Amino acid sequence: MSVYIPVELQRQIRAKFAGFCAYCRTAESLTATTFEFEHIIPLSAGGGETAFDNLCLSCPSCNRYKASRQTVVDTGTQQ
């Protein structure tokens, strides 16, 4: 699903994550891809709105892997 994100909100999200993927911490400047703005709580899972607190910067690989997931097992604690 594609959702319009205002340019100013995109700028704020890029600044918040300093140009790094929120998940794998890869720097966008070191890749040949453009990072994506991703809903932390997916709209498909009732994530509500396209707002600063529900958006992050994500590399395409992490965004595709996460998809509509909201939880994952922590490999350190197994929780």
Protein backbone atom coordinates (compact mmCIF):
# COMPACT_ATOMS: atom_id res chain seq x y z
CA MET A 1 0.00 0.00 0.00
CA SER A 2 1.34 3.40 -0.93
CA VAL A 3 0.52 6.34 1.32
CA TYR A 4 1.43 9.97 0.67
CA ILE A 5 3.87 11.32 3.26
CA PRO A 6 4.38 15.10 3.19
CA VAL A 7 7.90 16.23 2.29
CA GLU A 8 8.38 17.99 5.66
CA LEU A 9 7.42 14.81 7.54
CA GLN A 10 9.85 12.83 5.36
CA ARG A 11 12.60 15.31 6.28
CA GLN A 12 11.80 14.93 10.00
CA ILE A 13 11.91 11.12 9.80
CA ARG A 14 15.24 11.18 7.92
CA ALA A 15 16.67 13.50 10.59
CA LYS A 16 15.35 11.33 13.44
CA PHE A 17 17.08 8.24 12.05
CA ALA A 18 20.13 10.18 10.77
CA GLY A 19 20.02 8.43 7.39
CA PHE A 20 20.27 4.93 8.90
CA CYS A 21 17.83 2.02 8.62
CA ALA A 22 15.86 1.78 11.86
CA TYR A 23 16.26 -2.00 11.85
CA CYS A 24 19.69 -3.05 10.51
CA ARG A 25 21.37 0.38 11.02
CA THR A 26 22.83 0.41 7.49
CA ALA A 27 23.62 3.92 6.26
CA GLU A 28 21.57 4.94 3.24
CA SER A 29 24.60 6.81 1.91
CA LEU A 30 26.51 3.52 1.66
CA THR A 31 23.92 1.79 -0.49
CA ALA A 32 22.73 2.09 -4.07
CA THR A 33 19.09 2.19 -2.95
CA THR A 34 16.74 4.82 -1.63
CA PHE A 35 15.40 4.04 1.82
CA GLU A 36 11.68 3.89 2.46
CA PHE A 37 9.36 5.41 5.02
CA GLU A 38 7.78 2.54 6.88
CA HIS A 39 4.85 2.32 9.30
CA ILE A 40 6.06 0.83 12.58
CA ILE A 41 2.57 -0.43 13.34
CA PRO A 42 1.33 -1.32 9.85
CA LEU A 43 -1.83 0.25 8.50
CA SER A 44 -2.95 -3.28 7.59
CA ALA A 45 -2.77 -4.17 11.29
CA GLY A 46 -4.79 -1.16 12.39
CA GLY A 47 -1.74 1.09 12.70
CA GLY A 48 -3.89 4.13 12.64
CA GLU A 49 -2.19 6.98 10.93
CA THR A 50 0.74 8.21 8.95
CA ALA A 51 2.31 10.26 11.74
CA PHE A 52 5.81 11.01 13.06
CA ASP A 53 5.51 8.55 15.96
CA ASN A 54 4.43 5.69 13.68
CA LEU A 55 7.03 6.11 10.91
CA CYS A 56 10.63 5.08 10.54
CA LEU A 57 13.29 4.98 7.85
CA SER A 58 13.92 1.50 6.51
CA CYS A 59 16.13 -0.05 3.87
CA PRO A 60 14.10 -1.94 1.25
CA SER A 61 15.34 -5.34 2.50
CA CYS A 62 14.24 -4.74 6.08
CA ASN A 63 10.95 -3.22 4.97
CA ARG A 64 10.13 -6.29 2.83
CA TYR A 65 11.21 -8.68 5.59
CA LYS A 66 9.15 -6.91 8.25
CA ALA A 67 6.06 -6.65 6.04
CA SER A 68 3.11 -6.53 8.44
CA ARG A 69 4.90 -8.16 11.39
CA GLN A 70 4.86 -6.33 14.71
CA THR A 71 6.72 -8.72 16.98
CA VAL A 72 9.84 -10.83 16.75
CA VAL A 73 11.81 -13.12 19.05
CA ASP A 74 14.80 -11.38 20.63
CA THR A 75 17.76 -13.66 19.86
CA GLY A 76 19.52 -12.54 23.05
CA THR A 77 16.71 -13.24 25.52
CA GLN A 78 14.57 -15.63 23.44
CA GLN A 79 11.50 -13.60 24.42
